[in-house]
Amino acid sequence: MSDNATADRSGFDAVIATADYPVFVVTTRAGGRQAGCLVGFTSQVSIEPPRFLIGISKNNFTFGVAADADHLVVHLLGSEQSSLAALFGAETGDDINKFAHCKWHAGPAEQPILEAAAGWFAGRILERHDFGDHVGILIEPVAASAPAPQTAPLRYNAVADLKPGHVA
């Protein structure tokens, strides 16, 4: 990598870290398996019709389940929910059943809903796009549970020191 590219990358990384985006837990179920992971690459990409984009690492256990899924659930975590973020971010479904360590129930399309989440929305998968080491999954929201008005979301800087269950 050239010196200029390295300088550009470090500047890019600093901008993104300063932005301190919210993090989400994404869950899914397909083929008799369920999975979930902490994700930081997300964005609403359309107002009308509503659309949301989630980036899932190709190395992640959740990626394999999501590849066969037709729905995902995006969970908003409150700022006090770092333990739930650690469960879904620092553990891997290759080694443990994360859902055995938290309360959840089946929601729309039998997708797992984390009961402790501040809010959530379920979405039907419309498209998948290869973005390098992540795949972007575009969803159309079909059901939701709104967070309390005073909810402060858990942000990237609060979980930046987590050691991921899989390297991205």
N, C-alpha and C. Protein backbone atom coordinates (compact mmCIF):
# COMPACT_ATOMS: atom_id res chain seq x y z
N MET A 1 0.86 -1.17 0.00
CA MET A 1 0.00 0.00 0.00
C MET A 1 0.90 1.23 0.00
N SER A 2 0.61 2.19 -0.84
CA SER A 2 1.43 3.39 -0.92
C SER A 2 1.25 4.24 0.33
N ASP A 3 2.22 5.14 0.56
CA ASP A 3 2.14 6.03 1.72
C ASP A 3 0.88 6.88 1.67
N ASN A 4 0.52 7.34 0.47
CA ASN A 4 -0.67 8.17 0.33
C ASN A 4 -1.94 7.37 0.66
N ALA A 5 -2.00 6.11 0.17
CA ALA A 5 -3.15 5.27 0.46
C ALA A 5 -3.23 4.97 1.96
N THR A 6 -2.09 4.77 2.61
CA THR A 6 -2.06 4.53 4.06
C THR A 6 -2.57 5.75 4.80
N ALA A 7 -2.12 6.93 4.38
CA ALA A 7 -2.58 8.18 5.02
C ALA A 7 -4.08 8.37 4.79
N ASP A 8 -4.54 8.08 3.56
CA ASP A 8 -5.96 8.18 3.26
C ASP A 8 -6.76 7.21 4.11
N ARG A 9 -6.27 5.99 4.29
CA ARG A 9 -6.97 4.97 5.08
C ARG A 9 -7.04 5.38 6.54
N SER A 10 -5.95 5.89 7.09
CA SER A 10 -5.98 6.29 8.50
C SER A 10 -6.91 7.48 8.70
N GLY A 11 -6.96 8.38 7.75
CA GLY A 11 -7.90 9.50 7.82
C GLY A 11 -9.34 9.02 7.72
N PHE A 12 -9.58 8.10 6.80
CA PHE A 12 -10.92 7.51 6.67
C PHE A 12 -11.34 6.83 7.97
N ASP A 13 -10.44 6.00 8.53
CA ASP A 13 -10.74 5.30 9.78
C ASP A 13 -11.06 6.28 10.90
N ALA A 14 -10.33 7.40 10.96
CA ALA A 14 -10.56 8.40 12.00
C ALA A 14 -11.92 9.08 11.83
N VAL A 15 -12.31 9.37 10.60
CA VAL A 15 -13.62 9.97 10.36
C VAL A 15 -14.73 9.02 10.81
N ILE A 16 -14.62 7.75 10.41
CA ILE A 16 -15.65 6.77 10.75
C ILE A 16 -15.72 6.57 12.27
N ALA A 17 -14.58 6.47 12.94
CA ALA A 17 -14.57 6.30 14.40
C ALA A 17 -15.20 7.50 15.10
N THR A 18 -14.93 8.69 14.59
CA THR A 18 -15.50 9.90 15.19
C THR A 18 -17.00 9.96 14.99
N ALA A 19 -17.49 9.44 13.87
CA ALA A 19 -18.93 9.46 13.60
C ALA A 19 -19.69 8.66 14.66
N ASP A 20 -19.08 7.62 15.20
CA ASP A 20 -19.63 6.82 16.30
C ASP A 20 -21.07 6.37 16.02
N TYR A 21 -21.22 5.62 14.94
CA TYR A 21 -22.52 5.11 14.53
C TYR A 21 -23.12 4.16 15.57
N PRO A 22 -24.45 4.04 15.58
CA PRO A 22 -25.06 3.00 16.41
C PRO A 22 -24.69 1.62 15.87
N VAL A 23 -24.66 0.64 16.75
CA VAL A 23 -24.47 -0.74 16.34
C VAL A 23 -25.79 -1.48 16.56
N PHE A 24 -25.98 -2.54 15.81
CA PHE A 24 -27.22 -3.31 15.86
C PHE A 24 -26.88 -4.79 15.99
N VAL A 25 -27.81 -5.56 16.49
CA VAL A 25 -27.71 -7.02 16.41
C VAL A 25 -28.71 -7.46 15.35
N VAL A 26 -28.23 -8.26 14.42
CA VAL A 26 -29.07 -8.82 13.37
C VAL A 26 -29.24 -10.30 13.66
N THR A 27 -30.49 -10.77 13.62
CA THR A 27 -30.77 -12.19 13.81
C THR A 27 -31.52 -12.72 12.60
N THR A 28 -31.44 -14.04 12.43
CA THR A 28 -32.14 -14.68 11.32
C THR A 28 -32.31 -16.16 11.62
N ARG A 29 -33.17 -16.78 10.83
CA ARG A 29 -33.43 -18.21 10.96
C ARG A 29 -33.69 -18.76 9.55
N ALA A 30 -33.05 -19.89 9.25
CA ALA A 30 -33.26 -20.56 7.97
C ALA A 30 -32.75 -21.99 8.07
N GLY A 31 -33.41 -22.89 7.39
CA GLY A 31 -32.94 -24.28 7.33
C GLY A 31 -32.78 -24.93 8.68
N GLY A 32 -33.63 -24.58 9.64
CA GLY A 32 -33.55 -25.17 10.97
C GLY A 32 -32.45 -24.60 11.85
N ARG A 33 -31.73 -23.61 11.35
CA ARG A 33 -30.67 -22.96 12.14
C ARG A 33 -31.05 -21.51 12.39
N GLN A 34 -30.58 -20.98 13.52
CA GLN A 34 -30.74 -19.55 13.75
C GLN A 34 -29.40 -18.97 14.14
N ALA A 35 -29.26 -17.69 13.87
CA ALA A 35 -27.97 -17.04 14.09
C ALA A 35 -28.19 -15.56 14.34
N GLY A 36 -27.17 -14.93 14.88
CA GLY A 36 -27.22 -13.50 15.10
C GLY A 36 -25.83 -12.96 15.31
N CYS A 37 -25.64 -11.70 14.96
CA CYS A 37 -24.33 -11.08 15.13
C CYS A 37 -24.48 -9.57 15.33
N LEU A 38 -23.47 -8.99 15.93
CA LEU A 38 -23.37 -7.55 16.09
C LEU A 38 -22.88 -6.98 14.76
N VAL A 39 -23.57 -5.96 14.26
CA VAL A 39 -23.17 -5.35 12.99
C VAL A 39 -23.00 -3.85 13.15
N GLY A 40 -22.03 -3.32 12.45
CA GLY A 40 -21.78 -1.89 12.47
C GLY A 40 -21.98 -1.24 11.12
N PHE A 41 -22.12 -2.07 10.06
CA PHE A 41 -22.30 -1.53 8.72
C PHE A 41 -23.78 -1.61 8.37
N THR A 42 -24.50 -0.52 8.60
CA THR A 42 -25.93 -0.47 8.33
C THR A 42 -26.31 0.94 7.89
N SER A 43 -27.42 1.03 7.17
CA SER A 43 -27.94 2.35 6.82
C SER A 43 -29.33 2.24 6.21
N GLN A 44 -30.17 3.18 6.55
CA GLN A 44 -31.41 3.34 5.80
C GLN A 44 -30.99 3.88 4.43
N VAL A 45 -31.53 3.30 3.37
CA VAL A 45 -31.11 3.72 2.03
C VAL A 45 -32.27 4.25 1.18
N SER A 46 -33.49 4.23 1.71
CA SER A 46 -34.63 4.78 1.00
C SER A 46 -35.71 5.13 2.01
N ILE A 47 -36.37 6.28 1.76
CA ILE A 47 -37.48 6.69 2.63
C ILE A 47 -38.78 6.08 2.13
N GLU A 48 -39.03 6.20 0.84
CA GLU A 48 -40.25 5.66 0.25
C GLU A 48 -39.93 4.97 -1.05
N PRO A 49 -39.99 3.69 -1.15
CA PRO A 49 -40.39 2.78 -0.08
C PRO A 49 -39.25 2.64 0.94
N PRO A 50 -39.59 2.30 2.19
CA PRO A 50 -38.54 2.15 3.19
C PRO A 50 -37.65 0.95 2.86
N ARG A 51 -36.33 1.19 2.94
CA ARG A 51 -35.34 0.14 2.69
C ARG A 51 -34.19 0.34 3.66
N PHE A 52 -33.57 -0.78 4.06
CA PHE A 52 -32.45 -0.75 5.00
C PHE A 52 -31.40 -1.72 4.51
N LEU A 53 -30.13 -1.33 4.61
CA LEU A 53 -29.01 -2.14 4.14
C LEU A 53 -28.17 -2.58 5.32
N ILE A 54 -27.86 -3.88 5.37
CA ILE A 54 -27.04 -4.46 6.43
C ILE A 54 -25.83 -5.13 5.79
N GLY A 55 -24.64 -4.85 6.31
CA GLY A 55 -23.44 -5.53 5.85
C GLY A 55 -23.06 -6.64 6.82
N ILE A 56 -22.96 -7.86 6.33
CA ILE A 56 -22.57 -9.00 7.16
C ILE A 56 -21.28 -9.60 6.61
N SER A 57 -20.32 -9.80 7.50
CA SER A 57 -19.04 -10.37 7.12
C SER A 57 -19.21 -11.78 6.56
N LYS A 58 -18.49 -12.06 5.49
CA LYS A 58 -18.52 -13.38 4.89
C LYS A 58 -17.92 -14.44 5.81
N ASN A 59 -17.11 -14.03 6.79
CA ASN A 59 -16.49 -14.96 7.72
C ASN A 59 -17.39 -15.31 8.90
N ASN A 60 -18.51 -14.63 9.02
CA ASN A 60 -19.38 -14.76 10.17
C ASN A 60 -20.32 -15.96 10.03
N PHE A 61 -20.55 -16.69 11.13
CA PHE A 61 -21.51 -17.79 11.14
C PHE A 61 -22.88 -17.32 10.65
N THR A 62 -23.28 -16.12 11.05
CA THR A 62 -24.58 -15.57 10.65
C THR A 62 -24.68 -15.44 9.14
N PHE A 63 -23.58 -15.14 8.48
CA PHE A 63 -23.59 -15.02 7.02
C PHE A 63 -24.12 -16.29 6.37
N GLY A 64 -23.65 -17.45 6.84
CA GLY A 64 -24.08 -18.73 6.27
C GLY A 64 -25.57 -18.97 6.43
N VAL A 65 -26.11 -18.61 7.59
CA VAL A 65 -27.55 -18.78 7.81
C VAL A 65 -28.33 -17.74 6.99
N ALA A 66 -27.85 -16.51 7.00
CA ALA A 66 -28.52 -15.43 6.26
C ALA A 66 -28.54 -15.71 4.75
N ALA A 67 -27.57 -16.45 4.25
CA ALA A 67 -27.52 -16.77 2.82
C ALA A 67 -28.74 -17.58 2.39
N ASP A 68 -29.32 -18.34 3.34
CA ASP A 68 -30.49 -19.16 3.03
C ASP A 68 -31.79 -18.54 3.54
N ALA A 69 -31.70 -17.41 4.21
CA ALA A 69 -32.87 -16.79 4.84
C ALA A 69 -33.65 -15.92 3.86
N ASP A 70 -34.92 -15.69 4.19
CA ASP A 70 -35.71 -14.74 3.42
C ASP A 70 -36.08 -13.51 4.25
N HIS A 71 -35.74 -13.50 5.54
CA HIS A 71 -35.98 -12.36 6.43
C HIS A 71 -34.80 -12.19 7.37
N LEU A 72 -34.61 -10.96 7.85
CA LEU A 72 -33.67 -10.63 8.92
C LEU A 72 -34.40 -9.77 9.94
N VAL A 73 -33.90 -9.76 11.17
CA VAL A 73 -34.41 -8.85 12.18
C VAL A 73 -33.25 -7.97 12.65
N VAL A 74 -33.47 -6.67 12.65
CA VAL A 74 -32.47 -5.69 13.06
C VAL A 74 -32.89 -5.17 14.44
N HIS A 75 -32.03 -5.37 15.44
CA HIS A 75 -32.32 -4.98 16.82
C HIS A 75 -31.50 -3.76 17.21
N LEU A 76 -32.16 -2.75 17.71
CA LEU A 76 -31.50 -1.58 18.28
C LEU A 76 -31.19 -1.89 19.74
N LEU A 77 -29.95 -1.69 20.13
CA LEU A 77 -29.57 -1.88 21.53
C LEU A 77 -29.48 -0.52 22.21
N GLY A 78 -29.92 -0.47 23.45
CA GLY A 78 -29.76 0.74 24.24
C GLY A 78 -28.34 0.84 24.76
N SER A 79 -27.94 2.03 25.16
CA SER A 79 -26.56 2.28 25.60
C SER A 79 -26.14 1.41 26.78
N GLU A 80 -27.10 0.88 27.54
CA GLU A 80 -26.78 0.04 28.69
C GLU A 80 -26.69 -1.45 28.35
N GLN A 81 -26.81 -1.80 27.08
CA GLN A 81 -26.88 -3.21 26.68
C GLN A 81 -25.57 -3.75 26.11
N SER A 82 -24.47 -3.36 26.72
CA SER A 82 -23.16 -3.83 26.22
C SER A 82 -22.99 -5.34 26.40
N SER A 83 -23.64 -5.95 27.40
CA SER A 83 -23.50 -7.40 27.57
C SER A 83 -24.18 -8.15 26.43
N LEU A 84 -25.30 -7.65 25.94
CA LEU A 84 -25.96 -8.28 24.79
C LEU A 84 -25.11 -8.08 23.53
N ALA A 85 -24.49 -6.91 23.41
CA ALA A 85 -23.58 -6.65 22.29
C ALA A 85 -22.39 -7.61 22.35
N ALA A 86 -21.87 -7.84 23.55
CA ALA A 86 -20.72 -8.75 23.70
C ALA A 86 -21.12 -10.19 23.33
N LEU A 87 -22.30 -10.62 23.74
CA LEU A 87 -22.76 -11.97 23.40
C LEU A 87 -22.81 -12.15 21.89
N PHE A 88 -23.38 -11.18 21.18
CA PHE A 88 -23.55 -11.32 19.74
C PHE A 88 -22.35 -10.82 18.93
N GLY A 89 -21.41 -10.14 19.59
CA GLY A 89 -20.24 -9.63 18.87
C GLY A 89 -18.95 -10.36 19.17
N ALA A 90 -18.79 -10.86 20.39
CA ALA A 90 -17.52 -11.48 20.78
C ALA A 90 -17.60 -13.01 20.79
N GLU A 91 -18.79 -13.55 20.63
CA GLU A 91 -18.97 -15.00 20.56
C GLU A 91 -19.31 -15.37 19.12
N THR A 92 -19.12 -16.62 18.76
CA THR A 92 -19.47 -17.08 17.43
C THR A 92 -20.43 -18.25 17.51
N GLY A 93 -21.39 -18.26 16.62
CA GLY A 93 -22.33 -19.36 16.53
C GLY A 93 -21.68 -20.66 16.13
N ASP A 94 -20.43 -20.62 15.69
CA ASP A 94 -19.68 -21.86 15.42
C ASP A 94 -19.41 -22.61 16.72
N ASP A 95 -19.32 -21.85 17.84
CA ASP A 95 -18.93 -22.43 19.12
C ASP A 95 -20.07 -22.54 20.13
N ILE A 96 -20.99 -21.59 20.13
CA ILE A 96 -22.07 -21.60 21.12
C ILE A 96 -23.41 -21.25 20.47
N ASN A 97 -24.47 -21.65 21.16
CA ASN A 97 -25.81 -21.22 20.78
C ASN A 97 -26.07 -19.93 21.56
N LYS A 98 -25.92 -18.80 20.92
CA LYS A 98 -26.09 -17.51 21.58
C LYS A 98 -27.48 -17.35 22.17
N PHE A 99 -28.47 -17.95 21.53
CA PHE A 99 -29.86 -17.80 21.97
C PHE A 99 -30.14 -18.55 23.27
N ALA A 100 -29.27 -19.47 23.66
CA ALA A 100 -29.40 -20.16 24.95
C ALA A 100 -28.96 -19.24 26.09
N HIS A 101 -28.36 -18.10 25.77
CA HIS A 101 -27.82 -17.18 26.78
C HIS A 101 -28.61 -15.87 26.86
N CYS A 102 -29.77 -15.81 26.21
CA CYS A 102 -30.61 -14.61 26.27
C CYS A 102 -32.07 -15.00 26.06
N LYS A 103 -32.95 -14.09 26.42
CA LYS A 103 -34.38 -14.34 26.19
C LYS A 103 -34.75 -13.86 24.79
N TRP A 104 -35.52 -14.69 24.11
CA TRP A 104 -35.97 -14.37 22.76
C TRP A 104 -37.28 -15.09 22.50
N HIS A 105 -37.95 -14.68 21.46
CA HIS A 105 -39.16 -15.38 21.01
C HIS A 105 -39.23 -15.29 19.49
N ALA A 106 -40.03 -16.17 18.91
CA ALA A 106 -40.21 -16.16 17.46
C ALA A 106 -41.13 -15.01 17.09
N GLY A 107 -40.72 -14.25 16.09
CA GLY A 107 -41.49 -13.11 15.62
C GLY A 107 -41.97 -13.33 14.19
N PRO A 108 -42.09 -12.25 13.43
CA PRO A 108 -42.54 -12.37 12.04
C PRO A 108 -41.68 -13.36 11.26
N ALA A 109 -42.33 -14.17 10.45
CA ALA A 109 -41.67 -15.19 9.63
C ALA A 109 -40.81 -16.14 10.48
N GLU A 110 -41.23 -16.32 11.76
CA GLU A 110 -40.54 -17.21 12.71
C GLU A 110 -39.10 -16.77 12.99
N GLN A 111 -38.80 -15.51 12.78
CA GLN A 111 -37.45 -14.98 13.02
C GLN A 111 -37.25 -14.70 14.52
N PRO A 112 -36.02 -14.91 15.04
CA PRO A 112 -35.77 -14.68 16.46
C PRO A 112 -35.74 -13.20 16.82
N ILE A 113 -36.54 -12.83 17.84
CA ILE A 113 -36.60 -11.47 18.36
C ILE A 113 -35.97 -11.48 19.75
N LEU A 114 -34.97 -10.64 19.96
CA LEU A 114 -34.31 -10.53 21.27
C LEU A 114 -35.18 -9.69 22.19
N GLU A 115 -35.63 -10.27 23.29
CA GLU A 115 -36.57 -9.58 24.17
C GLU A 115 -35.95 -8.36 24.85
N ALA A 116 -34.66 -8.36 25.08
CA ALA A 116 -34.01 -7.23 25.77
C ALA A 116 -33.72 -6.04 24.85
N ALA A 117 -33.87 -6.23 23.55
CA ALA A 117 -33.56 -5.14 22.62
C ALA A 117 -34.45 -3.93 22.89
N ALA A 118 -33.89 -2.75 22.70
CA ALA A 118 -34.64 -1.51 22.90
C ALA A 118 -35.74 -1.36 21.86
N GLY A 119 -35.52 -1.85 20.67
CA GLY A 119 -36.48 -1.82 19.58
C GLY A 119 -35.98 -2.73 18.47
N TRP A 120 -36.84 -3.04 17.53
CA TRP A 120 -36.43 -3.92 16.43
C TRP A 120 -37.34 -3.71 15.22
N PHE A 121 -36.86 -4.15 14.07
CA PHE A 121 -37.72 -4.28 12.90
C PHE A 121 -37.29 -5.51 12.12
N ALA A 122 -38.28 -6.20 11.59
CA ALA A 122 -38.04 -7.37 10.75
C ALA A 122 -38.20 -6.94 9.31
N GLY A 123 -37.39 -7.53 8.45
CA GLY A 123 -37.47 -7.17 7.05
C GLY A 123 -37.33 -8.36 6.12
N ARG A 124 -38.04 -8.28 5.03
CA ARG A 124 -37.94 -9.28 3.97
C ARG A 124 -36.72 -8.95 3.12
N ILE A 125 -35.90 -9.96 2.85
CA ILE A 125 -34.70 -9.75 2.04
C ILE A 125 -35.10 -9.55 0.58
N LEU A 126 -34.63 -8.42 0.02
CA LEU A 126 -34.92 -8.10 -1.38
C LEU A 126 -33.74 -8.41 -2.30
N GLU A 127 -32.52 -8.08 -1.83
CA GLU A 127 -31.33 -8.24 -2.67
C GLU A 127 -30.11 -8.49 -1.79
N ARG A 128 -29.11 -9.11 -2.40
CA ARG A 128 -27.80 -9.30 -1.78
C ARG A 128 -26.75 -8.78 -2.75
N HIS A 129 -25.74 -8.09 -2.22
CA HIS A 129 -24.67 -7.53 -3.06
C HIS A 129 -23.32 -7.79 -2.41
N ASP A 130 -22.37 -8.24 -3.20
CA ASP A 130 -21.01 -8.47 -2.72
C ASP A 130 -20.30 -7.13 -2.60
N PHE A 131 -19.84 -6.82 -1.39
CA PHE A 131 -19.12 -5.56 -1.15
C PHE A 131 -17.68 -5.80 -0.72
N GLY A 132 -17.09 -6.92 -1.06
CA GLY A 132 -15.72 -7.21 -0.64
C GLY A 132 -15.75 -8.26 0.46
N ASP A 133 -15.30 -7.90 1.67
CA ASP A 133 -15.32 -8.88 2.75
C ASP A 133 -16.68 -8.98 3.44
N HIS A 134 -17.63 -8.15 3.04
CA HIS A 134 -19.00 -8.17 3.54
C HIS A 134 -19.98 -8.31 2.37
N VAL A 135 -21.16 -8.84 2.68
CA VAL A 135 -22.25 -8.86 1.72
C VAL A 135 -23.31 -7.91 2.23
N GLY A 136 -23.77 -7.03 1.36
CA GLY A 136 -24.84 -6.11 1.71
C GLY A 136 -26.18 -6.77 1.45
N ILE A 137 -27.04 -6.76 2.46
CA ILE A 137 -28.36 -7.36 2.35
C ILE A 137 -29.39 -6.24 2.48
N LEU A 138 -30.15 -6.05 1.42
CA LEU A 138 -31.18 -5.02 1.38
C LEU A 138 -32.49 -5.62 1.84
N ILE A 139 -33.12 -4.97 2.84
CA ILE A 139 -34.39 -5.49 3.34
C ILE A 139 -35.49 -4.43 3.27
N GLU A 140 -36.70 -4.95 3.21
CA GLU A 140 -37.92 -4.15 3.23
C GLU A 140 -38.60 -4.42 4.58
N PRO A 141 -38.70 -3.42 5.46
CA PRO A 141 -39.33 -3.65 6.76
C PRO A 141 -40.77 -4.14 6.62
N VAL A 142 -41.12 -5.17 7.43
CA VAL A 142 -42.47 -5.72 7.41
C VAL A 142 -43.15 -5.67 8.77
N ALA A 143 -42.38 -5.50 9.85
CA ALA A 143 -42.93 -5.41 11.21
C ALA A 143 -41.88 -4.74 12.08
N ALA A 144 -42.35 -4.10 13.17
CA ALA A 144 -41.40 -3.38 14.04
C ALA A 144 -41.97 -3.20 15.43
N SER A 145 -41.06 -2.97 16.37
CA SER A 145 -41.39 -2.58 17.73
C SER A 145 -40.52 -1.38 18.05
N ALA A 146 -41.15 -0.23 18.28
CA ALA A 146 -40.42 1.03 18.48
C ALA A 146 -39.75 1.08 19.85
N PRO A 147 -38.59 1.70 19.94
CA PRO A 147 -37.94 1.91 21.23
C PRO A 147 -38.65 3.01 22.02
N ALA A 148 -38.41 3.04 23.32
CA ALA A 148 -38.93 4.13 24.14
C ALA A 148 -38.31 5.44 23.65
N PRO A 149 -39.05 6.55 23.75
CA PRO A 149 -38.56 7.83 23.23
C PRO A 149 -37.21 8.27 23.81
N GLN A 150 -36.92 7.93 25.03
CA GLN A 150 -35.68 8.38 25.67
C GLN A 150 -34.49 7.44 25.41
N THR A 151 -34.67 6.43 24.56
CA THR A 151 -33.61 5.45 24.32
C THR A 151 -32.38 6.11 23.69
N ALA A 152 -31.24 5.89 24.31
CA ALA A 152 -29.96 6.30 23.73
C ALA A 152 -29.32 5.03 23.16
N PRO A 153 -29.00 5.00 21.87
CA PRO A 153 -28.47 3.76 21.27
C PRO A 153 -27.04 3.45 21.71
N LEU A 154 -26.73 2.17 21.72
CA LEU A 154 -25.35 1.72 21.94
C LEU A 154 -24.58 2.08 20.68
N ARG A 155 -23.41 2.67 20.85
CA ARG A 155 -22.64 3.14 19.70
C ARG A 155 -21.31 2.41 19.58
N TYR A 156 -20.72 2.54 18.41
CA TYR A 156 -19.48 1.84 18.08
C TYR A 156 -18.39 2.02 19.15
N ASN A 157 -18.17 3.23 19.61
CA ASN A 157 -17.08 3.45 20.57
C ASN A 157 -17.27 2.68 21.86
N ALA A 158 -18.50 2.32 22.21
CA ALA A 158 -18.77 1.55 23.42
C ALA A 158 -18.39 0.08 23.26
N VAL A 159 -18.28 -0.38 22.01
CA VAL A 159 -17.98 -1.80 21.77
C VAL A 159 -16.68 -1.99 20.97
N ALA A 160 -15.98 -0.91 20.72
CA ALA A 160 -14.78 -0.98 19.87
C ALA A 160 -13.71 -1.92 20.41
N ASP A 161 -13.70 -2.15 21.72
CA ASP A 161 -12.67 -3.03 22.31
C ASP A 161 -13.08 -4.50 22.33
N LEU A 162 -14.27 -4.84 21.84
CA LEU A 162 -14.68 -6.25 21.78
C LEU A 162 -13.80 -6.99 20.79
N LYS A 163 -13.38 -8.17 21.18
CA LYS A 163 -12.66 -9.04 20.24
C LYS A 163 -13.70 -9.86 19.50
N PRO A 164 -13.84 -9.66 18.18
CA PRO A 164 -14.91 -10.35 17.44
C PRO A 164 -14.75 -11.86 17.46
N GLY A 165 -15.90 -12.56 17.42
CA GLY A 165 -15.89 -14.01 17.34
C GLY A 165 -15.22 -14.51 16.07
N HIS A 166 -15.30 -13.71 15.01
CA HIS A 166 -14.62 -13.97 13.74
C HIS A 166 -13.97 -12.69 13.26
N VAL A 167 -12.82 -12.80 12.65
CA VAL A 167 -12.18 -11.64 12.03
C VAL A 167 -13.00 -11.28 10.80
N ALA A 168 -13.28 -9.99 10.62
CA ALA A 168 -14.04 -9.55 9.45
C ALA A 168 -13.19 -9.74 8.23
